[in-house]
N, C-alpha and C. Protein backbone atom coordinates (compact mmCIF):
# COMPACT_ATOMS: atom_id res chain seq x y z
N MET A 1 -180.54 100.78 -100.96
CA MET A 1 -179.59 101.57 -100.38
C MET A 1 -179.56 103.10 -100.87
N ILE A 2 -179.24 103.92 -100.01
CA ILE A 2 -179.07 105.60 -100.45
C ILE A 2 -177.86 105.66 -100.96
N LEU A 3 -178.03 106.82 -101.92
CA LEU A 3 -176.76 107.22 -102.42
C LEU A 3 -176.48 108.53 -101.89
N LEU A 4 -175.14 108.91 -101.78
CA LEU A 4 -174.80 109.84 -100.91
C LEU A 4 -174.15 110.59 -102.05
N PRO A 5 -174.34 111.78 -102.04
CA PRO A 5 -173.22 113.03 -103.11
C PRO A 5 -171.90 112.71 -102.34
N ARG A 6 -170.77 113.26 -102.61
CA ARG A 6 -169.31 113.07 -102.50
C ARG A 6 -169.37 114.11 -101.35
N LEU A 7 -169.87 115.29 -100.94
CA LEU A 7 -169.72 115.95 -100.28
C LEU A 7 -171.12 116.45 -99.37
N TYR A 8 -170.72 116.27 -97.92
CA TYR A 8 -171.55 116.06 -97.04
C TYR A 8 -171.58 117.58 -96.47
N ALA A 9 -172.32 118.56 -96.35
CA ALA A 9 -172.11 119.75 -95.67
C ALA A 9 -172.66 120.18 -94.22
N ILE A 10 -171.78 120.34 -93.51
CA ILE A 10 -172.18 120.37 -91.73
C ILE A 10 -172.11 122.14 -91.67
N VAL A 11 -173.63 122.21 -91.13
CA VAL A 11 -173.83 123.58 -90.63
C VAL A 11 -173.62 123.81 -89.27
N ASP A 12 -172.70 123.98 -88.70
CA ASP A 12 -172.32 124.02 -87.31
C ASP A 12 -172.56 125.63 -86.98
N THR A 13 -173.44 125.70 -86.31
CA THR A 13 -173.99 127.18 -86.06
C THR A 13 -173.24 127.43 -84.75
N ALA A 14 -172.05 126.58 -84.07
CA ALA A 14 -171.44 127.11 -83.04
C ALA A 14 -170.07 128.49 -84.03
N PHE A 15 -170.17 128.28 -85.50
CA PHE A 15 -169.33 129.31 -85.85
C PHE A 15 -170.04 130.37 -86.40
N PHE A 16 -171.10 130.78 -86.37
CA PHE A 16 -172.41 131.91 -86.53
C PHE A 16 -172.82 132.43 -85.60
N SER A 17 -173.43 133.47 -85.55
CA SER A 17 -173.43 134.61 -84.35
C SER A 17 -175.07 134.62 -84.46
N THR A 18 -175.90 134.88 -85.69
CA THR A 18 -177.12 135.02 -85.79
C THR A 18 -177.37 134.07 -86.88
N SER A 19 -178.93 133.88 -86.62
CA SER A 19 -179.68 133.03 -87.46
C SER A 19 -179.85 133.09 -88.90
N GLU A 20 -179.61 134.69 -89.18
CA GLU A 20 -179.21 135.09 -90.64
C GLU A 20 -177.92 134.58 -90.99
N GLU A 21 -176.95 134.61 -90.53
CA GLU A 21 -175.74 134.17 -91.00
C GLU A 21 -175.60 132.76 -91.42
N VAL A 22 -176.70 131.77 -90.27
CA VAL A 22 -176.58 130.46 -90.65
C VAL A 22 -177.33 130.23 -92.12
N VAL A 23 -178.52 130.95 -92.35
CA VAL A 23 -179.19 130.96 -93.32
C VAL A 23 -179.07 131.43 -94.63
N THR A 24 -177.74 132.53 -94.68
CA THR A 24 -176.63 133.03 -95.50
C THR A 24 -175.56 131.85 -95.88
N PHE A 25 -175.22 131.27 -95.23
CA PHE A 25 -174.14 130.19 -95.10
C PHE A 25 -174.91 129.27 -96.34
N CYS A 26 -176.07 128.62 -95.69
CA CYS A 26 -176.76 127.61 -96.41
C CYS A 26 -177.11 128.04 -97.82
N LYS A 27 -177.37 129.15 -97.85
CA LYS A 27 -177.79 129.60 -99.28
C LYS A 27 -176.58 129.32 -100.14
N GLU A 28 -175.37 129.72 -99.38
CA GLU A 28 -173.96 129.60 -100.53
C GLU A 28 -173.68 128.12 -100.84
N LEU A 29 -174.03 127.13 -99.96
CA LEU A 29 -173.54 125.78 -100.27
C LEU A 29 -174.64 125.48 -101.13
N LEU A 30 -176.07 125.76 -101.14
CA LEU A 30 -176.67 125.39 -102.23
C LEU A 30 -176.50 125.79 -103.34
N ALA A 31 -175.98 126.89 -103.60
CA ALA A 31 -175.57 127.91 -104.55
C ALA A 31 -174.87 126.97 -105.04
N GLY A 32 -173.29 126.51 -104.46
CA GLY A 32 -172.44 125.73 -104.92
C GLY A 32 -172.66 124.44 -105.08
N GLY A 33 -173.74 124.01 -105.22
CA GLY A 33 -173.95 122.59 -105.46
C GLY A 33 -174.56 121.65 -104.23
N CYS A 34 -174.54 121.92 -103.05
CA CYS A 34 -174.48 120.85 -102.16
C CYS A 34 -175.88 120.61 -101.87
N THR A 35 -176.38 119.26 -101.68
CA THR A 35 -177.44 118.58 -101.71
C THR A 35 -177.64 117.88 -100.61
N LEU A 36 -177.06 118.09 -99.52
CA LEU A 36 -177.20 117.16 -98.59
C LEU A 36 -176.13 118.15 -97.15
N LEU A 37 -177.06 118.63 -96.63
CA LEU A 37 -176.90 119.67 -95.31
C LEU A 37 -177.03 118.76 -94.20
N GLN A 38 -176.30 118.88 -93.10
CA GLN A 38 -176.63 118.86 -91.93
C GLN A 38 -176.50 119.85 -90.76
N TYR A 39 -177.73 120.03 -90.27
CA TYR A 39 -178.05 121.44 -89.24
C TYR A 39 -177.39 120.54 -87.94
N ARG A 40 -176.08 121.39 -87.16
CA ARG A 40 -175.61 120.89 -85.91
C ARG A 40 -176.03 122.02 -85.07
N ASN A 41 -176.65 121.93 -83.94
CA ASN A 41 -176.30 123.20 -82.72
C ASN A 41 -176.89 122.38 -81.52
N LYS A 42 -175.41 122.38 -80.80
CA LYS A 42 -175.16 121.95 -79.59
C LYS A 42 -175.39 122.93 -78.36
N SER A 43 -176.32 123.99 -78.73
CA SER A 43 -176.69 124.83 -77.44
C SER A 43 -177.74 124.38 -76.45
N GLY A 44 -178.42 123.56 -77.01
CA GLY A 44 -179.18 122.54 -76.27
C GLY A 44 -180.56 123.80 -76.24
N ASN A 45 -180.61 124.59 -77.03
CA ASN A 45 -182.10 125.70 -76.60
C ASN A 45 -182.83 124.98 -77.99
N ALA A 46 -183.84 124.26 -77.63
CA ALA A 46 -184.84 123.75 -78.51
C ALA A 46 -185.86 124.48 -79.45
N ARG A 47 -186.21 125.61 -79.00
CA ARG A 47 -186.95 126.84 -79.53
C ARG A 47 -186.11 127.70 -80.53
N VAL A 48 -184.77 127.85 -80.03
CA VAL A 48 -183.43 128.56 -81.16
C VAL A 48 -183.62 127.58 -82.23
N MET A 49 -183.21 126.34 -81.76
CA MET A 49 -182.82 125.23 -83.06
C MET A 49 -184.16 124.43 -84.34
N LEU A 50 -185.49 124.86 -83.38
CA LEU A 50 -186.80 124.71 -84.12
C LEU A 50 -186.64 125.86 -85.03
N ASP A 51 -186.37 126.84 -84.31
CA ASP A 51 -186.76 128.17 -85.35
C ASP A 51 -185.87 128.58 -86.43
N GLN A 52 -184.56 128.16 -86.16
CA GLN A 52 -183.69 128.24 -87.08
C GLN A 52 -183.35 127.02 -88.18
N ALA A 53 -184.21 125.92 -87.94
CA ALA A 53 -184.61 124.56 -88.89
C ALA A 53 -185.35 124.92 -89.32
N LEU A 54 -186.64 125.88 -89.30
CA LEU A 54 -187.85 126.11 -90.14
C LEU A 54 -187.02 127.19 -90.90
N LEU A 55 -186.28 127.77 -90.69
CA LEU A 55 -185.82 128.83 -91.53
C LEU A 55 -185.06 128.23 -92.69
N LEU A 56 -184.17 127.37 -92.56
CA LEU A 56 -183.07 126.59 -93.16
C LEU A 56 -184.21 125.96 -94.26
N ARG A 57 -185.34 125.19 -93.68
CA ARG A 57 -186.19 124.33 -94.42
C ARG A 57 -186.70 125.31 -95.79
N ARG A 58 -187.52 126.28 -95.12
CA ARG A 58 -187.84 127.28 -96.19
C ARG A 58 -186.96 127.90 -97.16
N HIS A 59 -185.85 128.29 -96.58
CA HIS A 59 -184.91 128.89 -97.56
C HIS A 59 -184.18 127.96 -98.88
N SER A 60 -184.35 126.81 -98.02
CA SER A 60 -183.68 125.62 -99.18
C SER A 60 -184.33 124.88 -99.88
N ARG A 61 -185.86 125.10 -99.40
CA ARG A 61 -186.78 124.35 -100.51
C ARG A 61 -187.00 125.35 -101.73
N ALA A 62 -186.50 126.74 -101.55
CA ALA A 62 -186.99 127.67 -102.62
C ALA A 62 -185.59 127.77 -103.51
N GLY A 63 -184.47 127.34 -103.14
CA GLY A 63 -183.03 127.18 -104.08
C GLY A 63 -183.19 126.00 -105.10
N VAL A 64 -182.53 125.85 -105.78
CA VAL A 64 -182.20 124.82 -106.96
C VAL A 64 -180.63 124.94 -106.87
N PRO A 65 -180.22 123.38 -106.65
CA PRO A 65 -178.70 122.99 -106.89
C PRO A 65 -178.04 123.34 -108.03
N ALA A 66 -176.89 123.47 -108.03
CA ALA A 66 -176.29 124.33 -109.37
C ALA A 66 -176.23 122.59 -110.11
N PRO A 67 -176.05 123.42 -111.67
CA PRO A 67 -176.24 122.82 -112.71
C PRO A 67 -175.43 121.30 -112.74
N HIS A 68 -174.10 121.74 -112.49
CA HIS A 68 -173.03 120.67 -112.20
C HIS A 68 -173.01 119.30 -111.43
N VAL A 69 -173.96 119.39 -110.60
CA VAL A 69 -174.57 118.55 -109.51
C VAL A 69 -175.28 117.21 -110.16
N PRO A 70 -174.52 116.05 -110.36
CA PRO A 70 -175.55 114.88 -111.01
C PRO A 70 -176.71 114.62 -110.32
N GLU A 71 -177.39 114.41 -111.15
CA GLU A 71 -178.47 113.28 -111.05
C GLU A 71 -178.27 112.28 -110.11
N PRO A 72 -178.78 111.25 -109.39
CA PRO A 72 -179.91 111.42 -109.26
C PRO A 72 -180.06 112.34 -107.73
N TYR A 73 -179.34 113.05 -107.20
CA TYR A 73 -179.06 113.66 -105.81
C TYR A 73 -180.06 114.73 -105.65
N GLU A 74 -181.02 114.57 -104.76
CA GLU A 74 -182.04 115.40 -104.43
C GLU A 74 -181.69 116.16 -102.91
N LEU A 75 -182.15 117.30 -103.01
CA LEU A 75 -181.64 117.81 -101.41
C LEU A 75 -182.09 117.53 -100.39
N ARG A 76 -181.40 117.00 -99.07
CA ARG A 76 -181.92 116.63 -98.16
C ARG A 76 -181.15 117.20 -96.97
N LEU A 77 -182.17 117.78 -96.08
CA LEU A 77 -181.46 118.00 -94.88
C LEU A 77 -181.75 117.35 -93.76
N ILE A 78 -180.52 117.24 -92.99
CA ILE A 78 -180.20 116.10 -92.47
C ILE A 78 -180.52 117.50 -90.24
N MET A 79 -181.12 116.61 -89.62
CA MET A 79 -180.68 117.19 -88.18
C MET A 79 -179.79 116.21 -87.14
N ASN A 80 -179.09 117.06 -86.58
CA ASN A 80 -178.11 116.27 -85.92
C ASN A 80 -178.55 115.99 -84.37
N ASP A 81 -178.80 114.64 -83.82
CA ASP A 81 -179.35 114.57 -82.37
C ASP A 81 -180.47 114.46 -82.26
N ARG A 82 -181.14 115.39 -82.68
CA ARG A 82 -182.79 115.57 -82.19
C ARG A 82 -183.84 114.81 -83.27
N ALA A 83 -184.45 113.63 -82.87
CA ALA A 83 -185.57 113.05 -83.77
C ALA A 83 -186.73 113.94 -84.02
N ASP A 84 -186.97 114.54 -82.70
CA ASP A 84 -188.28 115.22 -82.54
C ASP A 84 -188.28 116.33 -83.21
N LEU A 85 -187.03 117.36 -83.30
CA LEU A 85 -186.88 118.75 -84.28
C LEU A 85 -186.79 117.96 -85.60
N CYS A 86 -186.34 116.90 -85.83
CA CYS A 86 -186.25 116.13 -87.13
C CYS A 86 -187.71 116.28 -87.68
N LEU A 87 -188.83 115.84 -87.31
CA LEU A 87 -190.34 115.65 -87.38
C LEU A 87 -190.61 116.84 -87.50
N ALA A 88 -190.98 118.13 -86.35
CA ALA A 88 -191.46 118.99 -86.29
C ALA A 88 -191.13 120.21 -87.32
N ALA A 89 -189.42 120.10 -87.93
CA ALA A 89 -189.05 120.82 -88.75
C ALA A 89 -189.03 120.51 -90.39
N GLU A 90 -189.92 119.05 -90.47
CA GLU A 90 -189.91 118.25 -91.61
C GLU A 90 -188.72 118.27 -91.96
N PHE A 91 -187.81 117.87 -91.71
CA PHE A 91 -186.04 117.45 -92.28
C PHE A 91 -186.05 116.15 -92.84
N ASP A 92 -185.42 115.97 -93.46
CA ASP A 92 -185.28 114.42 -94.54
C ASP A 92 -184.86 113.44 -93.33
N GLY A 93 -184.39 114.10 -92.33
CA GLY A 93 -183.24 112.62 -91.25
C GLY A 93 -182.64 113.31 -90.36
N VAL A 94 -182.22 112.42 -89.53
CA VAL A 94 -181.38 112.51 -88.24
C VAL A 94 -180.05 111.66 -88.21
N HIS A 95 -179.39 112.48 -87.82
CA HIS A 95 -177.91 111.92 -87.69
C HIS A 95 -177.35 111.90 -86.18
N VAL A 96 -177.04 110.49 -85.63
CA VAL A 96 -176.87 110.40 -84.21
C VAL A 96 -175.59 110.29 -83.83
N GLY A 97 -174.97 110.37 -82.69
CA GLY A 97 -174.07 109.88 -82.03
C GLY A 97 -173.90 108.50 -81.46
N GLN A 98 -172.65 108.41 -80.79
CA GLN A 98 -172.89 107.16 -79.65
C GLN A 98 -173.33 107.62 -78.46
N ASP A 99 -173.62 108.69 -78.02
CA ASP A 99 -174.25 109.30 -76.64
C ASP A 99 -175.50 109.73 -76.75
N ASP A 100 -176.38 109.11 -78.29
CA ASP A 100 -177.73 109.95 -78.37
C ASP A 100 -178.53 108.80 -78.08
N LEU A 101 -179.33 108.99 -78.71
CA LEU A 101 -180.95 107.74 -78.56
C LEU A 101 -180.12 106.71 -79.56
N SER A 102 -180.70 105.18 -79.56
CA SER A 102 -180.24 104.22 -80.28
C SER A 102 -180.63 104.18 -81.26
N PRO A 103 -179.64 104.04 -82.47
CA PRO A 103 -180.76 103.96 -84.31
C PRO A 103 -181.76 103.46 -83.86
N GLU A 104 -182.14 102.20 -83.32
CA GLU A 104 -183.58 101.74 -83.28
C GLU A 104 -184.59 102.52 -82.63
N ALA A 105 -184.08 103.33 -81.69
CA ALA A 105 -185.35 104.11 -81.04
C ALA A 105 -185.46 105.51 -81.82
N VAL A 106 -184.67 105.60 -82.61
CA VAL A 106 -184.58 106.89 -83.43
C VAL A 106 -185.78 106.86 -85.08
N ARG A 107 -185.22 105.41 -85.22
CA ARG A 107 -186.13 104.69 -86.17
C ARG A 107 -187.37 104.58 -85.87
N LYS A 108 -187.50 104.24 -84.86
CA LYS A 108 -189.36 104.32 -84.29
C LYS A 108 -189.78 105.59 -84.26
N ILE A 109 -188.94 106.58 -83.89
CA ILE A 109 -189.71 108.09 -84.15
C ILE A 109 -189.73 108.55 -85.59
N ILE A 110 -188.72 108.56 -86.65
CA ILE A 110 -188.93 108.99 -87.65
C ILE A 110 -189.62 108.28 -88.97
N GLY A 111 -189.43 106.77 -88.54
CA GLY A 111 -190.41 106.29 -89.73
C GLY A 111 -189.06 105.37 -90.46
N ALA A 112 -189.51 104.60 -91.40
CA ALA A 112 -188.78 103.85 -92.38
C ALA A 112 -188.31 105.27 -93.78
N ASP A 113 -188.99 106.08 -94.06
CA ASP A 113 -188.63 106.58 -95.02
C ASP A 113 -187.45 107.75 -95.02
N ARG A 114 -187.63 108.45 -93.78
CA ARG A 114 -186.41 109.59 -93.30
C ARG A 114 -185.09 108.52 -93.50
N TRP A 115 -183.84 109.71 -93.77
CA TRP A 115 -182.56 108.82 -93.53
C TRP A 115 -182.20 108.87 -91.93
N LEU A 116 -181.45 108.11 -91.82
CA LEU A 116 -180.66 107.77 -90.65
C LEU A 116 -179.29 107.44 -90.39
N GLY A 117 -178.49 108.60 -90.08
CA GLY A 117 -176.94 108.42 -89.91
C GLY A 117 -176.55 107.93 -88.43
N VAL A 118 -175.16 107.53 -88.48
CA VAL A 118 -174.67 107.16 -87.14
C VAL A 118 -173.32 107.24 -87.19
N SER A 119 -173.19 107.99 -86.23
CA SER A 119 -171.44 108.01 -86.17
C SER A 119 -170.56 107.27 -85.41
N THR A 120 -169.67 106.86 -85.85
CA THR A 120 -168.47 105.71 -85.26
C THR A 120 -167.44 106.38 -85.14
N HIS A 121 -166.46 105.39 -84.21
CA HIS A 121 -165.13 106.08 -83.92
C HIS A 121 -163.88 104.93 -84.31
N ASN A 122 -164.53 103.90 -84.39
CA ASN A 122 -163.66 103.03 -84.32
C ASN A 122 -164.41 101.32 -84.47
N LEU A 123 -163.66 100.52 -84.94
CA LEU A 123 -163.94 99.13 -85.64
C LEU A 123 -165.39 98.50 -85.20
N GLU A 124 -165.13 98.35 -83.73
CA GLU A 124 -166.00 98.01 -82.83
C GLU A 124 -167.91 98.35 -83.24
N GLN A 125 -167.36 99.87 -83.16
CA GLN A 125 -168.65 100.88 -83.14
C GLN A 125 -169.09 100.80 -84.78
N ILE A 126 -168.58 100.47 -85.67
CA ILE A 126 -168.62 100.38 -87.11
C ILE A 126 -169.69 98.55 -87.03
N ARG A 127 -169.05 97.73 -86.60
CA ARG A 127 -169.62 96.74 -86.51
C ARG A 127 -171.27 96.54 -85.85
N GLN A 128 -171.29 97.58 -84.56
CA GLN A 128 -172.57 97.60 -84.14
C GLN A 128 -173.36 98.47 -85.00
N ALA A 129 -172.95 99.29 -85.47
CA ALA A 129 -173.74 100.15 -86.12
C ALA A 129 -174.30 99.34 -87.56
N ASP A 130 -173.43 98.48 -88.03
CA ASP A 130 -173.87 98.07 -89.57
C ASP A 130 -174.72 97.10 -89.29
N SER A 131 -175.29 97.00 -87.91
CA SER A 131 -176.07 95.89 -87.73
C SER A 131 -177.61 96.58 -87.52
N THR A 132 -177.61 97.56 -87.58
CA THR A 132 -178.95 98.41 -87.30
C THR A 132 -179.58 98.96 -88.57
N SER A 133 -180.63 99.99 -88.25
CA SER A 133 -181.36 100.25 -89.37
C SER A 133 -180.60 101.55 -90.25
N ALA A 134 -180.02 101.86 -89.85
CA ALA A 134 -179.10 103.14 -90.28
C ALA A 134 -179.00 103.01 -91.61
N ASP A 135 -178.75 104.12 -92.14
CA ASP A 135 -178.81 104.13 -94.08
C ASP A 135 -177.52 104.42 -94.19
N TYR A 136 -176.66 105.37 -93.37
CA TYR A 136 -175.38 105.34 -93.78
C TYR A 136 -174.50 105.62 -92.45
N LEU A 137 -173.61 105.35 -92.36
CA LEU A 137 -172.42 105.26 -91.51
C LEU A 137 -171.59 106.19 -91.58
N ALA A 138 -170.93 106.81 -90.33
CA ALA A 138 -169.77 108.10 -90.37
C ALA A 138 -168.60 107.35 -89.35
N ILE A 139 -167.28 107.95 -90.01
CA ILE A 139 -166.39 107.09 -89.52
C ILE A 139 -165.50 108.41 -89.50
N GLY A 140 -164.74 108.72 -88.01
CA GLY A 140 -164.02 109.81 -87.91
C GLY A 140 -163.26 109.67 -86.27
N PRO A 141 -162.58 110.60 -86.10
CA PRO A 141 -162.17 111.90 -87.02
C PRO A 141 -160.99 111.10 -87.63
N VAL A 142 -161.05 111.40 -89.19
CA VAL A 142 -159.78 111.14 -90.17
C VAL A 142 -158.72 111.42 -89.83
N PHE A 143 -158.74 112.56 -89.53
CA PHE A 143 -157.38 113.63 -89.51
C PHE A 143 -158.01 114.69 -88.15
N SER A 144 -156.85 115.12 -87.72
CA SER A 144 -156.86 116.10 -86.57
C SER A 144 -158.24 117.20 -86.27
N THR A 145 -159.01 117.58 -85.88
CA THR A 145 -160.12 118.48 -86.07
C THR A 145 -160.32 119.24 -85.14
N LEU A 146 -160.66 120.79 -85.38
CA LEU A 146 -160.80 121.93 -84.31
C LEU A 146 -162.16 121.68 -83.92
N SER A 147 -163.09 121.06 -84.47
CA SER A 147 -164.51 121.41 -84.80
C SER A 147 -165.29 120.55 -83.67
N LYS A 148 -164.46 119.92 -82.79
CA LYS A 148 -165.14 119.44 -81.48
C LYS A 148 -164.04 119.74 -80.14
N ASP A 149 -164.94 120.22 -79.05
CA ASP A 149 -163.99 120.06 -77.61
C ASP A 149 -163.16 119.09 -77.12
N LYS A 150 -163.83 117.96 -77.79
CA LYS A 150 -162.95 116.46 -77.41
C LYS A 150 -163.25 115.54 -78.53
N PRO A 151 -162.39 115.95 -78.91
CA PRO A 151 -162.33 114.88 -80.22
C PRO A 151 -162.16 113.48 -79.77
N ASP A 152 -162.77 112.67 -80.41
CA ASP A 152 -162.36 111.31 -80.72
C ASP A 152 -160.68 110.98 -81.04
N PRO A 153 -159.90 109.80 -80.80
CA PRO A 153 -158.99 109.75 -81.39
C PRO A 153 -158.73 109.44 -82.92
N VAL A 154 -157.83 109.88 -83.54
CA VAL A 154 -157.65 109.89 -84.75
C VAL A 154 -157.41 108.75 -85.63
N VAL A 155 -158.22 108.40 -86.48
CA VAL A 155 -158.04 107.01 -86.95
C VAL A 155 -157.53 107.18 -88.70
N GLY A 156 -157.74 107.98 -89.01
CA GLY A 156 -156.42 107.89 -89.97
C GLY A 156 -157.28 107.54 -91.13
N LEU A 157 -156.32 107.36 -92.74
CA LEU A 157 -156.86 106.88 -93.68
C LEU A 157 -156.99 105.20 -93.74
N ASP A 158 -156.37 104.80 -92.89
CA ASP A 158 -156.45 103.27 -92.49
C ASP A 158 -157.51 102.88 -91.58
N GLY A 159 -158.04 103.57 -90.88
CA GLY A 159 -159.24 103.40 -90.35
C GLY A 159 -160.57 103.67 -91.24
N VAL A 160 -160.12 104.22 -92.19
CA VAL A 160 -161.70 104.20 -93.15
C VAL A 160 -161.25 103.14 -94.13
N ARG A 161 -160.40 102.54 -94.61
CA ARG A 161 -160.01 101.32 -94.96
C ARG A 161 -160.86 100.29 -94.56
N ARG A 162 -160.31 100.18 -93.22
CA ARG A 162 -160.94 98.74 -92.01
C ARG A 162 -162.24 99.11 -92.14
N ALA A 163 -163.05 100.35 -92.05
CA ALA A 163 -164.35 100.90 -92.25
C ALA A 163 -165.11 100.01 -93.03
N ARG A 164 -164.68 100.66 -94.45
CA ARG A 164 -164.87 99.97 -95.39
C ARG A 164 -165.13 98.59 -95.66
N GLN A 165 -164.04 98.01 -95.12
CA GLN A 165 -164.38 96.31 -95.23
C GLN A 165 -165.35 95.72 -94.48
N LEU A 166 -165.48 96.46 -93.51
CA LEU A 166 -166.68 96.04 -92.23
C LEU A 166 -168.26 96.40 -93.02
N THR A 167 -168.55 97.33 -93.40
CA THR A 167 -169.73 97.39 -94.12
C THR A 167 -170.33 97.61 -95.54
N ARG A 168 -171.20 97.54 -95.65
CA ARG A 168 -171.50 97.39 -97.06
C ARG A 168 -172.75 99.10 -97.01
N LYS A 169 -172.62 99.69 -96.02
CA LYS A 169 -173.75 100.97 -95.76
C LYS A 169 -172.78 102.11 -96.72
N PRO A 170 -173.18 103.05 -97.18
CA PRO A 170 -172.51 104.01 -97.78
C PRO A 170 -171.87 104.73 -95.99
N LEU A 171 -170.63 105.15 -96.24
CA LEU A 171 -169.31 105.46 -95.34
C LEU A 171 -169.37 106.73 -95.56
N VAL A 172 -169.07 107.70 -94.85
CA VAL A 172 -169.45 108.94 -94.54
C VAL A 172 -167.69 109.17 -94.14
N ALA A 173 -166.92 110.09 -94.29
CA ALA A 173 -165.81 110.20 -93.40
C ALA A 173 -165.62 111.58 -93.48
N ILE A 174 -165.34 111.99 -91.63
CA ILE A 174 -165.22 113.29 -90.92
C ILE A 174 -164.31 113.22 -90.20
N GLY A 175 -163.90 114.53 -90.16
CA GLY A 175 -162.71 115.25 -88.99
C GLY A 175 -161.89 115.60 -89.79
N GLY A 176 -161.36 116.89 -89.99
CA GLY A 176 -160.07 117.15 -90.63
C GLY A 176 -159.97 117.32 -91.92
N ILE A 177 -161.07 117.10 -92.58
CA ILE A 177 -161.27 116.87 -93.96
C ILE A 177 -161.17 118.42 -95.04
N THR A 178 -160.23 118.33 -95.49
CA THR A 178 -160.45 119.71 -96.41
C THR A 178 -160.25 119.27 -98.12
N ARG A 179 -160.20 120.59 -98.53
CA ARG A 179 -159.91 120.19 -100.12
C ARG A 179 -158.91 119.63 -100.42
N ALA A 180 -157.63 119.88 -99.61
CA ALA A 180 -156.15 119.26 -100.22
C ALA A 180 -156.16 117.80 -99.96
N ASN A 181 -156.95 117.36 -98.45
CA ASN A 181 -156.87 115.81 -98.55
C ASN A 181 -158.04 114.79 -98.85
N ALA A 182 -159.21 115.51 -99.60
CA ALA A 182 -160.50 114.80 -99.78
C ALA A 182 -160.35 113.80 -100.56
N ALA A 183 -159.43 113.92 -101.61
CA ALA A 183 -159.49 113.07 -102.76
C ALA A 183 -158.78 111.44 -102.19
N SER A 184 -158.14 111.91 -100.98
CA SER A 184 -156.98 110.76 -100.38
C SER A 184 -158.44 109.59 -99.64
N VAL A 185 -159.10 110.67 -99.13
CA VAL A 185 -160.38 109.77 -98.09
C VAL A 185 -161.28 108.89 -99.11
N ILE A 186 -161.71 109.71 -100.51
CA ILE A 186 -162.50 109.10 -101.32
C ILE A 186 -161.50 107.73 -101.69
N GLU A 187 -160.38 107.78 -102.07
CA GLU A 187 -159.98 106.72 -102.44
C GLU A 187 -159.30 105.61 -101.66
N ALA A 188 -159.92 105.95 -100.32
CA ALA A 188 -159.67 104.90 -98.87
C ALA A 188 -160.52 104.34 -98.69
N GLY A 189 -161.94 104.39 -99.32
CA GLY A 189 -163.27 103.77 -99.29
C GLY A 189 -164.50 104.25 -98.95
N ALA A 190 -164.23 105.74 -98.46
CA ALA A 190 -165.51 106.75 -98.24
C ALA A 190 -166.01 106.99 -99.21
N ASP A 191 -167.86 107.31 -99.19
CA ASP A 191 -168.68 107.22 -100.22
C ASP A 191 -168.68 108.94 -100.14
N SER A 192 -168.23 109.58 -98.94
CA SER A 192 -168.93 111.06 -98.99
C SER A 192 -167.85 111.43 -97.78
N VAL A 193 -167.52 112.93 -97.95
CA VAL A 193 -166.86 113.46 -96.85
C VAL A 193 -167.69 114.27 -96.40
N ALA A 194 -167.58 114.67 -94.80
CA ALA A 194 -168.26 115.36 -94.30
C ALA A 194 -167.14 116.44 -93.83
N VAL A 195 -167.71 117.97 -94.11
CA VAL A 195 -167.05 118.93 -93.63
C VAL A 195 -167.55 120.07 -93.07
N ILE A 196 -166.57 120.90 -92.16
CA ILE A 196 -167.22 121.89 -91.70
C ILE A 196 -166.24 123.08 -92.06
N SER A 197 -165.42 122.90 -91.37
CA SER A 197 -163.92 124.19 -91.75
C SER A 197 -163.80 125.03 -92.96
N ASP A 198 -163.43 123.72 -93.91
CA ASP A 198 -163.07 124.22 -95.25
C ASP A 198 -164.21 124.60 -95.94
N LEU A 199 -165.47 124.43 -95.42
CA LEU A 199 -166.78 125.32 -96.48
C LEU A 199 -166.78 126.58 -95.84
N LEU A 200 -166.58 126.97 -94.12
CA LEU A 200 -166.65 128.26 -93.91
C LEU A 200 -166.12 129.57 -94.67
N ARG A 201 -165.29 129.75 -95.11
CA ARG A 201 -164.54 130.85 -95.73
C ARG A 201 -165.32 130.75 -97.31
N GLU A 202 -165.81 131.64 -98.31
CA GLU A 202 -166.40 131.49 -99.49
C GLU A 202 -166.89 130.13 -99.58
N PRO A 203 -168.07 129.91 -98.40
CA PRO A 203 -168.90 128.78 -99.06
C PRO A 203 -169.07 128.16 -100.39
N ARG A 204 -169.57 129.11 -100.94
CA ARG A 204 -170.25 128.56 -102.54
C ARG A 204 -168.69 128.01 -103.56
N LYS A 205 -167.81 129.05 -103.31
CA LYS A 205 -166.60 128.43 -104.14
C LYS A 205 -165.84 127.48 -103.32
N SER A 206 -166.03 127.16 -102.32
CA SER A 206 -165.02 126.32 -101.71
C SER A 206 -165.94 124.89 -102.11
N ALA A 207 -167.60 124.77 -101.79
CA ALA A 207 -168.05 123.65 -102.37
C ALA A 207 -167.87 123.31 -103.91
N GLU A 208 -167.66 124.55 -104.62
CA GLU A 208 -167.97 124.06 -106.28
C GLU A 208 -166.14 123.35 -106.45
N GLU A 209 -165.20 123.97 -105.59
CA GLU A 209 -163.82 123.38 -105.27
C GLU A 209 -164.03 121.77 -105.33
N PHE A 210 -164.72 121.25 -104.07
CA PHE A 210 -164.91 120.07 -103.36
C PHE A 210 -165.26 119.37 -104.41
N PHE A 211 -166.54 119.52 -105.40
CA PHE A 211 -167.04 118.98 -106.00
C PHE A 211 -166.14 118.60 -107.29
N ARG A 212 -165.58 119.73 -107.70
CA ARG A 212 -164.54 119.46 -108.93
C ARG A 212 -163.44 118.28 -108.60
N ILE A 213 -163.16 118.75 -107.12
CA ILE A 213 -161.90 117.53 -106.88
C ILE A 213 -162.28 116.15 -106.76
N LEU A 214 -163.74 116.00 -106.58
CA LEU A 214 -164.02 114.82 -106.07
C LEU A 214 -164.78 113.85 -107.21
N ARG A 215 -164.88 114.62 -108.18
CA ARG A 215 -165.78 114.09 -109.06
C ARG A 215 -165.68 112.77 -109.76
């Protein structure tokens, strides 16, 4: 079973104008101690996605996580949706949603060694994903979020608790999670919190504060 760090940083390119901004943001996250980053680009432009992913891999491999991050966490880059681009960019795993390729189809593409995560939004989806070869499951949105145009219904902390009862796989909570509420999400049973918006401003400082809160 894999071991997730408390903070799972989501790098959503919708919040950035250029590839340089994306790379700078990732560098700041790494400097703040992040060791698990997901690259998310919903533009559909595979060439842009691959170019940016290769940039992230090159720059992230040159970085060293902050010393306050405990072992045995090692840096891992996760590709959102695209198993083919995960391989092309030599990323460490793929995260898929309910409308993407099935977990088993993705596993056949990426092999046994790369990480596979699956998004879920209700208890039935948790049950189904738990029976797959996914390495970790994500549940959400826990709170109201502005990071998606058409978010699924909020599951709340009770949804996290119930999801925890249904799976022994590592559980990531996502959706509206901030430094103000992250501790309550971990207390509800999540192993890690996935964050987008609350890392955008002063990413290094924000990441460091998340780690202090979730220590």
